[in-house]
Structures are given as structure tokens and as C-alpha cells.
C-alpha atoms as a PDB file:
ATOM      1  CA  UNK A   1      -0.068  -0.100  -0.082  1.00  0.00           C
ATOM      2  CA  UNK A   2       1.347   3.462  -0.915  1.00  0.00           C
ATOM      3  CA  UNK A   3       1.475   5.980   1.977  1.00  0.00           C
ATOM      4  CA  UNK A   4      -1.116   8.495   2.412  1.00  0.00           C
ATOM      5  CA  UNK A   5      -0.772  12.026   1.296  1.00  0.00           C
ATOM      6  CA  UNK A   6      -0.360  13.212   4.898  1.00  0.00           C
ATOM      7  CA  UNK A   7       2.536  10.765   5.513  1.00  0.00           C
ATOM      8  CA  UNK A   8       4.325  11.825   2.342  1.00  0.00           C
ATOM      9  CA  UNK A   9       4.177  15.314   3.229  1.00  0.00           C
ATOM     10  CA  UNK A  10       5.211  14.716   6.838  1.00  0.00           C
ATOM     11  CA  UNK A  11       8.167  12.712   5.588  1.00  0.00           C
ATOM     12  CA  UNK A  12       9.365  15.219   3.073  1.00  0.00           C
ATOM     13  CA  UNK A  13       9.135  17.740   5.666  1.00  0.00           C
ATOM     14  CA  UNK A  14      11.348  15.658   7.797  1.00  0.00           C
ATOM     15  CA  UNK A  15      13.836  15.353   5.130  1.00  0.00           C
ATOM     16  CA  UNK A  16      13.859  19.196   4.732  1.00  0.00           C
ATOM     17  CA  UNK A  17      14.519  19.699   8.403  1.00  0.00           C
ATOM     18  CA  UNK A  18      17.313  17.112   8.454  1.00  0.00           C
ATOM     19  CA  UNK A  19      19.151  18.451   5.588  1.00  0.00           C
ATOM     20  CA  UNK A  20      18.532  22.210   5.640  1.00  0.00           C
ATOM     21  CA  UNK A  21      16.081  22.266   2.794  1.00  0.00           C
ATOM     22  CA  UNK A  22      18.741  21.360   0.084  1.00  0.00           C
ATOM     23  CA  UNK A  23      18.714  22.633  -3.541  1.00  0.00           C
ATOM     24  CA  UNK A  24      19.152  19.865  -6.136  1.00  0.00           C
ATOM     25  CA  UNK A  25      21.146  22.093  -8.466  1.00  0.00           C
ATOM     26  CA  UNK A  26      24.343  20.471  -9.466  1.00  0.00           C
ATOM     27  CA  UNK A  27      23.417  17.212  -7.487  1.00  0.00           C
ATOM     28  CA  UNK A  28      22.507  13.903  -8.538  1.00  0.00           C
ATOM     29  CA  UNK A  29      20.000  11.623  -6.663  1.00  0.00           C
ATOM     30  CA  UNK A  30      21.402   8.161  -5.571  1.00  0.00           C
ATOM     31  CA  UNK A  31      19.368   5.655  -3.352  1.00  0.00           C
ATOM     32  CA  UNK A  32      22.668   4.636  -1.857  1.00  0.00           C
ATOM     33  CA  UNK A  33      24.703   7.858  -1.550  1.00  0.00           C
ATOM     34  CA  UNK A  34      27.578   7.238   0.695  1.00  0.00           C
ATOM     35  CA  UNK A  35      26.359   3.989   1.960  1.00  0.00           C
ATOM     36  CA  UNK A  36      29.786   2.463   1.765  1.00  0.00           C
ATOM     37  CA  UNK A  37      31.740   5.105   3.174  1.00  0.00           C
ATOM     38  CA  UNK A  38      32.243   3.642   6.671  1.00  0.00           C
ATOM     39  CA  UNK A  39      34.057   0.466   7.471  1.00  0.00           C
ATOM     40  CA  UNK A  40      34.238  -0.165  11.304  1.00  0.00           C
ATOM     41  CA  UNK A  41      30.684   0.982  12.042  1.00  0.00           C
ATOM     42  CA  UNK A  42      31.775   3.318  14.973  1.00  0.00           C
ATOM     43  CA  UNK A  43      30.668   6.786  13.189  1.00  0.00           C
ATOM     44  CA  UNK A  44      28.182   7.248  10.393  1.00  0.00           C
ATOM     45  CA  UNK A  45      28.378  10.047   7.975  1.00  0.00           C
ATOM     46  CA  UNK A  46      25.742  12.681   7.893  1.00  0.00           C
ATOM     47  CA  UNK A  47      24.170  11.240   4.947  1.00  0.00           C
ATOM     48  CA  UNK A  48      23.792   7.801   6.598  1.00  0.00           C
ATOM     49  CA  UNK A  49      22.668   9.362   9.707  1.00  0.00           C
ATOM     50  CA  UNK A  50      19.930  11.441   8.101  1.00  0.00           C
ATOM     51  CA  UNK A  51      18.603   8.481   5.948  1.00  0.00           C
ATOM     52  CA  UNK A  52      18.315   6.284   8.983  1.00  0.00           C
ATOM     53  CA  UNK A  53      16.276   8.929  10.814  1.00  0.00           C
ATOM     54  CA  UNK A  54      13.945   9.243   7.888  1.00  0.00           C
ATOM     55  CA  UNK A  55      13.631   5.365   7.581  1.00  0.00           C
ATOM     56  CA  UNK A  56      12.982   5.113  11.186  1.00  0.00           C
ATOM     57  CA  UNK A  57      10.312   7.770  11.188  1.00  0.00           C
ATOM     58  CA  UNK A  58       8.832   6.080   8.101  1.00  0.00           C
ATOM     59  CA  UNK A  59       8.720   2.807   9.803  1.00  0.00           C
ATOM     60  CA  UNK A  60       7.060   4.415  12.867  1.00  0.00           C
ATOM     61  CA  UNK A  61       4.273   5.537  10.426  1.00  0.00           C
ATOM     62  CA  UNK A  62       3.672   2.304   8.778  1.00  0.00           C
ATOM     63  CA  UNK A  63       5.339   3.235   5.491  1.00  0.00           C
ATOM     64  CA  UNK A  64       7.030   0.279   3.798  1.00  0.00           C
ATOM     65  CA  UNK A  65      10.879   0.221   3.272  1.00  0.00           C
ATOM     66  CA  UNK A  66      10.531   0.339  -0.542  1.00  0.00           C
ATOM     67  CA  UNK A  67       8.096   3.261  -0.321  1.00  0.00           C
ATOM     68  CA  UNK A  68      10.061   5.012   2.079  1.00  0.00           C
ATOM     69  CA  UNK A  69      13.248   4.442   0.111  1.00  0.00           C
ATOM     70  CA  UNK A  70      11.446   6.013  -2.926  1.00  0.00           C
ATOM     71  CA  UNK A  71      10.179   8.987  -0.998  1.00  0.00           C
ATOM     72  CA  UNK A  72      13.726   9.638   0.544  1.00  0.00           C
ATOM     73  CA  UNK A  73      15.121   9.812  -3.161  1.00  0.00           C
ATOM     74  CA  UNK A  74      12.224  12.114  -4.100  1.00  0.00           C
ATOM     75  CA  UNK A  75      12.900  14.328  -1.271  1.00  0.00           C
ATOM     76  CA  UNK A  76      16.635  15.004  -2.146  1.00  0.00           C
ATOM     77  CA  UNK A  77      17.850  13.607   0.960  1.00  0.00           C
ATOM     78  CA  UNK A  78      19.970  11.123  -0.995  1.00  0.00           C
ATOM     79  CA  UNK A  79      21.953  13.717  -2.685  1.00  0.00           C
ATOM     80  CA  UNK A  80      25.673  13.732  -3.812  1.00  0.00           C
ATOM     81  CA  UNK A  81      27.950  15.799  -5.839  1.00  0.00           C
ATOM     82  CA  UNK A  82      27.686  15.299  -9.601  1.00  0.00           C
ATOM     83  CA  UNK A  83      31.278  15.052 -10.433  1.00  0.00           C
ATOM     84  CA  UNK A  84      32.883  13.128  -7.305  1.00  0.00           C
ATOM     85  CA  UNK A  85      29.857  11.275  -6.053  1.00  0.00           C
ATOM     86  CA  UNK A  86      31.022  12.674  -2.476  1.00  0.00           C
ATOM     87  CA  UNK A  87      28.648  14.315  -0.038  1.00  0.00           C
ATOM     88  CA  UNK A  88      27.854  17.949  -0.653  1.00  0.00           C
ATOM     89  CA  UNK A  89      28.984  20.996   1.141  1.00  0.00           C
ATOM     90  CA  UNK A  90      25.907  21.044   3.447  1.00  0.00           C
ATOM     91  CA  UNK A  91      26.801  17.760   4.937  1.00  0.00           C
ATOM     92  CA  UNK A  92      30.423  18.567   5.978  1.00  0.00           C
ATOM     93  CA  UNK A  93      29.673  20.866   9.000  1.00  0.00           C
ATOM     94  CA  UNK A  94      27.210  18.708  10.659  1.00  0.00           C
ATOM     95  CA  UNK A  95      29.455  15.587  10.275  1.00  0.00           C
ATOM     96  CA  UNK A  96      32.359  17.454  11.792  1.00  0.00           C
ATOM     97  CA  UNK A  97      30.043  18.650  14.560  1.00  0.00           C
ATOM     98  CA  UNK A  98      28.974  15.269  15.263  1.00  0.00           C
ATOM     99  CA  UNK A  99      32.522  13.975  15.383  1.00  0.00           C
ATOM    100  CA  UNK A 100      33.385  16.499  17.791  1.00  0.00           C
ATOM    101  CA  UNK A 101      30.517  15.163  20.147  1.00  0.00           C
ATOM    102  CA  UNK A 102      31.772  11.632  19.500  1.00  0.00           C
ATOM    103  CA  UNK A 103      35.159  12.054  20.706  1.00  0.00           C
ATOM    104  CA  UNK A 104      34.591  14.385  23.742  1.00  0.00           C
ATOM    105  CA  UNK A 105      35.642  12.810  26.546  1.00  0.00           C
ATOM    106  CA  UNK A 106      36.686   9.451  24.927  1.00  0.00           C
ATOM    107  CA  UNK A 107      40.468   9.194  24.731  1.00  0.00           C
ATOM    108  CA  UNK A 108      40.645   5.921  23.112  1.00  0.00           C
ATOM    109  CA  UNK A 109      38.744   7.418  20.036  1.00  0.00           C
ATOM    110  CA  UNK A 110      40.638   9.601  17.586  1.00  0.00           C
ATOM    111  CA  UNK A 111      39.257  11.738  14.869  1.00  0.00           C
ATOM    112  CA  UNK A 112      40.723  14.034  12.024  1.00  0.00           C
ATOM    113  CA  UNK A 113      39.478  16.501   9.600  1.00  0.00           C
ATOM    114  CA  UNK A 114      41.387  16.190   6.238  1.00  0.00           C
ATOM    115  CA  UNK A 115      41.314  19.168   3.778  1.00  0.00           C
ATOM    116  CA  UNK A 116      42.601  18.455   0.146  1.00  0.00           C
ATOM    117  CA  UNK A 117      42.871  21.021  -2.592  1.00  0.00           C
ATOM    118  CA  UNK A 118      43.588  20.021  -6.307  1.00  0.00           C
ATOM    119  CA  UNK A 119      46.735  21.680  -7.450  1.00  0.00           C
ATOM    120  CA  UNK A 120      46.266  23.523 -10.936  1.00  0.00           C
ATOM    121  CA  UNK A 121      42.669  22.724 -11.615  1.00  0.00           C
ATOM    122  CA  UNK A 122      42.440  26.033 -13.340  1.00  0.00           C
ATOM    123  CA  UNK A 123      45.276  24.802 -15.747  1.00  0.00           C
ATOM    124  CA  UNK A 124      43.444  21.438 -16.426  1.00  0.00           C
ATOM    125  CA  UNK A 125      40.120  23.683 -17.116  1.00  0.00           C
ATOM    126  CA  UNK A 126      42.194  25.849 -19.412  1.00  0.00           C
ATOM    127  CA  UNK A 127      43.802  22.838 -21.371  1.00  0.00           C
ATOM    128  CA  UNK A 128      41.010  20.299 -21.414  1.00  0.00           C
ATOM    129  CA  UNK A 129      37.910  22.401 -21.069  1.00  0.00           C
ATOM    130  CA  UNK A 130      35.405  21.930 -18.028  1.00  0.00           C
ATOM    131  CA  UNK A 131      33.993  18.584 -19.084  1.00  0.00           C
ATOM    132  CA  UNK A 132      37.024  16.731 -19.505  1.00  0.00           C
ATOM    133  CA  UNK A 133      38.782  18.347 -16.645  1.00  0.00           C
ATOM    134  CA  UNK A 134      35.804  17.164 -14.519  1.00  0.00           C
ATOM    135  CA  UNK A 135      36.603  13.621 -15.578  1.00  0.00           C
ATOM    136  CA  UNK A 136      40.196  14.152 -14.493  1.00  0.00           C
ATOM    137  CA  UNK A 137      39.249  15.752 -11.255  1.00  0.00           C
ATOM    138  CA  UNK A 138      36.838  12.823 -10.507  1.00  0.00           C
ATOM    139  CA  UNK A 139      39.565  10.309 -11.144  1.00  0.00           C
ATOM    140  CA  UNK A 140      41.911  12.352  -8.702  1.00  0.00           C
ATOM    141  CA  UNK A 141      39.327  12.395  -5.932  1.00  0.00           C
ATOM    142  CA  UNK A 142      38.654   8.659  -6.334  1.00  0.00           C
ATOM    143  CA  UNK A 143      42.203   7.843  -5.796  1.00  0.00           C
ATOM    144  CA  UNK A 144      42.502  10.000  -2.704  1.00  0.00           C
ATOM    145  CA  UNK A 145      39.257   8.529  -1.284  1.00  0.00           C
ATOM    146  CA  UNK A 146      40.465   4.820  -1.882  1.00  0.00           C
ATOM    147  CA  UNK A 147      43.640   5.516  -0.055  1.00  0.00           C
ATOM    148  CA  UNK A 148      41.656   7.131   2.916  1.00  0.00           C
ATOM    149  CA  UNK A 149      39.243   4.259   3.022  1.00  0.00           C
ATOM    150  CA  UNK A 150      41.931   1.743   2.963  1.00  0.00           C
ATOM    151  CA  UNK A 151      42.554   2.842   6.628  1.00  0.00           C
ATOM    152  CA  UNK A 152      41.012   0.888   9.308  1.00  0.00           C
ATOM    153  CA  UNK A 153      38.694   3.698  10.460  1.00  0.00           C
ATOM    154  CA  UNK A 154      35.210   5.212   9.542  1.00  0.00           C
ATOM    155  CA  UNK A 155      35.578   8.023   6.765  1.00  0.00           C
ATOM    156  CA  UNK A 156      33.073  10.493   5.131  1.00  0.00           C
ATOM    157  CA  UNK A 157      34.016  12.248   1.923  1.00  0.00           C
ATOM    158  CA  UNK A 158      32.823  15.763   1.041  1.00  0.00           C
ATOM    159  CA  UNK A 159      32.920  18.159  -1.904  1.00  0.00           C
ATOM    160  CA  UNK A 160      32.808  21.717  -0.664  1.00  0.00           C
ATOM    161  CA  UNK A 161      34.625  24.006  -3.226  1.00  0.00           C
ATOM    162  CA  UNK A 162      35.520  24.191  -6.963  1.00  0.00           C
ATOM    163  CA  UNK A 163      38.952  22.529  -6.281  1.00  0.00           C
ATOM    164  CA  UNK A 164      38.655  21.369  -2.694  1.00  0.00           C
ATOM    165  CA  UNK A 165      37.200  18.203  -0.976  1.00  0.00           C
ATOM    166  CA  UNK A 166      37.690  16.882   2.572  1.00  0.00           C
ATOM    167  CA  UNK A 167      37.407  13.805   4.629  1.00  0.00           C
ATOM    168  CA  UNK A 168      36.354  13.087   8.266  1.00  0.00           C
ATOM    169  CA  UNK A 169      38.313   9.977   9.605  1.00  0.00           C
ATOM    170  CA  UNK A 170      37.449   8.698  12.944  1.00  0.00           C
ATOM    171  CA  UNK A 171      38.269   5.274  14.755  1.00  0.00           C
ATOM    172  CA  UNK A 172      40.342   4.070  17.724  1.00  0.00           C
ATOM    173  CA  UNK A 173      43.322   3.459  15.735  1.00  0.00           C
ATOM    174  CA  UNK A 174      43.398   6.480  13.686  1.00  0.00           C
ATOM    175  CA  UNK A 175      46.489   8.662  13.481  1.00  0.00           C
ATOM    176  CA  UNK A 176      47.525  11.807  11.849  1.00  0.00           C
ATOM    177  CA  UNK A 177      50.755  10.125  10.546  1.00  0.00           C
ATOM    178  CA  UNK A 178      48.925   7.108   8.828  1.00  0.00           C
ATOM    179  CA  UNK A 179      46.465   9.614   7.074  1.00  0.00           C
ATOM    180  CA  UNK A 180      49.364  11.794   5.922  1.00  0.00           C
ATOM    181  CA  UNK A 181      51.086   8.779   4.762  1.00  0.00           C
ATOM    182  CA  UNK A 182      47.831   7.551   2.966  1.00  0.00           C
ATOM    183  CA  UNK A 183      47.402  10.882   1.201  1.00  0.00           C
ATOM    184  CA  UNK A 184      51.136  11.049   0.220  1.00  0.00           C
ATOM    185  CA  UNK A 185      50.665   7.660  -1.588  1.00  0.00           C
ATOM    186  CA  UNK A 186      47.622   8.902  -3.256  1.00  0.00           C
ATOM    187  CA  UNK A 187      49.386  11.961  -4.429  1.00  0.00           C
ATOM    188  CA  UNK A 188      52.094   9.778  -5.908  1.00  0.00           C
ATOM    189  CA  UNK A 189      49.389   7.840  -7.742  1.00  0.00           C
ATOM    190  CA  UNK A 190      47.775  10.869  -8.878  1.00  0.00           C
ATOM    191  CA  UNK A 191      50.987  12.309 -10.368  1.00  0.00           C
ATOM    192  CA  UNK A 192      51.514   9.146 -12.151  1.00  0.00           C
ATOM    193  CA  UNK A 193      48.105   9.307 -13.569  1.00  0.00           C
ATOM    194  CA  UNK A 194      48.595  12.839 -14.721  1.00  0.00           C
ATOM    195  CA  UNK A 195      51.778  11.875 -16.476  1.00  0.00           C
ATOM    196  CA  UNK A 196      50.047   8.972 -18.247  1.00  0.00           C
ATOM    197  CA  UNK A 197      47.410  11.543 -19.390  1.00  0.00           C
ATOM    198  CA  UNK A 198      50.154  13.534 -20.994  1.00  0.00           C
ATOM    199  CA  UNK A 199      49.351  16.501 -18.489  1.00  0.00           C
ATOM    200  CA  UNK A 200      52.366  17.010 -16.430  1.00  0.00           C
ATOM    201  CA  UNK A 201      53.550  19.938 -18.313  1.00  0.00           C
ATOM    202  CA  UNK A 202      50.237  22.058 -18.156  1.00  0.00           C
ATOM    203  CA  UNK A 203      51.205  25.419 -16.910  1.00  0.00           C
ATOM    204  CA  UNK A 204      49.657  26.964 -13.871  1.00  0.00           C
ATOM    205  CA  UNK A 205      47.612  30.031 -14.815  1.00  0.00           C
ATOM    206  CA  UNK A 206      48.957  31.903 -11.628  1.00  0.00           C
ATOM    207  CA  UNK A 207      52.434  30.823 -11.925  1.00  0.00           C
ATOM    208  CA  UNK A 208      53.397  31.109 -15.594  1.00  0.00           C
ATOM    209  CA  UNK A 209      56.937  29.836 -16.264  1.00  0.00           C
ATOM    210  CA  UNK A 210      57.028  28.179 -12.931  1.00  0.00           C
ATOM    211  CA  UNK A 211      57.890  24.505 -13.847  1.00  0.00           C
ATOM    212  CA  UNK A 212      57.391  23.606 -10.235  1.00  0.00           C
ATOM    213  CA  UNK A 213      53.705  24.359 -10.529  1.00  0.00           C
ATOM    214  CA  UNK A 214      52.872  22.671 -13.784  1.00  0.00           C
ATOM    215  CA  UNK A 215      50.914  19.405 -14.215  1.00  0.00           C
ATOM    216  CA  UNK A 216      48.386  18.526 -11.202  1.00  0.00           C
ATOM    217  CA  UNK A 217      48.483  16.843  -7.986  1.00  0.00           C
ATOM    218  CA  UNK A 218      47.012  17.202  -4.483  1.00  0.00           C
ATOM    219  CA  UNK A 219      47.870  19.571  -1.548  1.00  0.00           C
ATOM    220  CA  UNK A 220      46.463  18.333   1.802  1.00  0.00           C
ATOM    221  CA  UNK A 221      46.332  19.010   5.428  1.00  0.00           C
ATOM    222  CA  UNK A 222      45.314  17.038   8.506  1.00  0.00           C
ATOM    223  CA  UNK A 223      43.836  18.730  11.692  1.00  0.00           C
ATOM    224  CA  UNK A 224      42.742  16.780  14.806  1.00  0.00           C
ATOM    225  CA  UNK A 225      39.298  16.634  15.956  1.00  0.00           C
ATOM    226  CA  UNK A 226      39.750  16.609  19.740  1.00  0.00           C
ATOM    227  CA  UNK A 227      36.280  17.339  21.082  1.00  0.00           C
ATOM    228  CA  UNK A 228      36.885  20.965  22.603  1.00  0.00           C
ATOM    229  CA  UNK A 229      37.153  22.874  19.410  1.00  0.00           C
ATOM    230  CA  UNK A 230      34.462  24.683  17.268  1.00  0.00           C
ATOM    231  CA  UNK A 231      33.800  23.481  13.763  1.00  0.00           C
ATOM    232  CA  UNK A 232      35.541  26.678  12.500  1.00  0.00           C
ATOM    233  CA  UNK A 233      38.541  25.949  14.478  1.00  0.00           C
ATOM    234  CA  UNK A 234      38.884  22.564  12.940  1.00  0.00           C
ATOM    235  CA  UNK A 235      38.444  24.124   9.437  1.00  0.00           C
ATOM    236  CA  UNK A 236      41.011  26.889  10.115  1.00  0.00           C
ATOM    237  CA  UNK A 237      43.795  24.659  11.362  1.00  0.00           C
ATOM    238  CA  UNK A 238      43.634  22.712   8.072  1.00  0.00           C
ATOM    239  CA  UNK A 239      43.172  25.761   5.827  1.00  0.00           C
ATOM    240  CA  UNK A 240      46.262  27.227   7.365  1.00  0.00           C
ATOM    241  CA  UNK A 241      48.364  24.296   6.409  1.00  0.00           C
ATOM    242  CA  UNK A 242      47.126  24.048   2.913  1.00  0.00           C
ATOM    243  CA  UNK A 243      47.610  27.877   2.262  1.00  0.00           C
ATOM    244  CA  UNK A 244      51.150  27.454   3.692  1.00  0.00           C
ATOM    245  CA  UNK A 245      51.812  24.600   1.311  1.00  0.00           C
ATOM    246  CA  UNK A 246      50.430  26.249  -1.595  1.00  0.00           C
ATOM    247  CA  UNK A 247      52.973  29.088  -1.242  1.00  0.00           C
ATOM    248  CA  UNK A 248      55.924  26.698  -1.057  1.00  0.00           C
END
């Protein structure tokens, strides 16, 4: 039996309240967005948390799982970034906030915010055009995500800027050193991919003639989520490192 009109409206309103009334512009609808982003089961990404609350509310109202799943997709709750498949910017802050709460007073649980910047995306756009550059961008982000997901910790992935994306990594064994090592390996693989595509000598629009800025790779920073910071402080710590590395 299909859910009644009242139930449909109430569930759609619930999703809007959970997700901040998201716009679907530039987003794709996926029934299983971010479903595989966690591994140890300690921490759920905002998308998973939002979907579970929706499905629990639907079940309490007597709505079947298939109908609830269909409504959830229609509502826009299962949204993700078109290019990367990562969760959109709206989910980043709420996930970091919940990570702060999760680790507060728990010395055995470690959490980190990881900010990543694509080096010379402007050059890729100039050389390839936006459509082909998006394909390269998607491959680069997928490589970075694979290395992060190879860690024995939960992780969530976000696209929150033209050339920026980020991760939240949380788990009892998570360390800054292993995350940085994973991203260094990702950067090596990315630069090998860029070389294979014949893109290593693409000039940087802001640094013409500087061979050290040619091609593309990633610049990253890892900041600890200790439980006492604000979301802005977590962002700020990573931003400062990324900006310093960009100027090197």
C-alpha cells in the first residue's frame, strides 16, 4: 500500500528539516549515496545518519521500506556531488560537529579532518575544458578516497569547493601520521595518472613559467578533532596548513 498524502508530506518535511532544505542544483539523486563510506561501524556519515532517521520515522508511520526509500530519493535526501559522488558541502559541517561530540571525553577514539586541494585545476580547465577536466578531477578524488578508505577507520567524503574536497576520519586506531602517509601515496598515484594522461607540463595560470607548479596533484592538511574545538577552528587549522603549502 502506498503511503497516504499526509505521511508523504510529513516525511518530505522531515527530510527538509534534517538536511537544511537542500537545493538539488548540481547534485544527483542516488538511493545509496555514501552507503559504503564507513568501515568499522563506529561513526556514520551525515548522509547515513539522515537516511536512518528518515527510514525510522517512516517505519513508525507504517510506511514500507520500499516506499520510504522511494520517498527519500524524491525528497533530495540522497543527494551527492555530480562530479565526485561525494557528499555535498551542506553535510560537511554537521558531520564535523557530530565527530566533535563523538570524541569528547573518549581518549580511545581519534578523529581528524582532512582538507584536500587540487593543485592547478585552473590549468586543467584551460587545457581540457570543463567537461574533460571534471573527468580528471573525478579520477583524482577517487584515488584519494580509495587511500583514505584503505585505513582501518570510518571515513566520510565531501565536495565543498571548486577544487576542494575533504574527509572526516574517525576510529580508535586512527593517527595523523597514517592519514598523511595515505594521502602522500595518493598524491604519488595521482601524479603518475596525470603523467600517463600527458598532462604533467600543463602550466599553472597563476604561476606562468614556474615548472614546479606545472601538471596537477593534491595539496592536503590533517587537523585533529579533539572534542573541544569549534567547527570553524577545525577548518581553520587545516586551511592554514594548506595555504602555507600552496605558497611553497
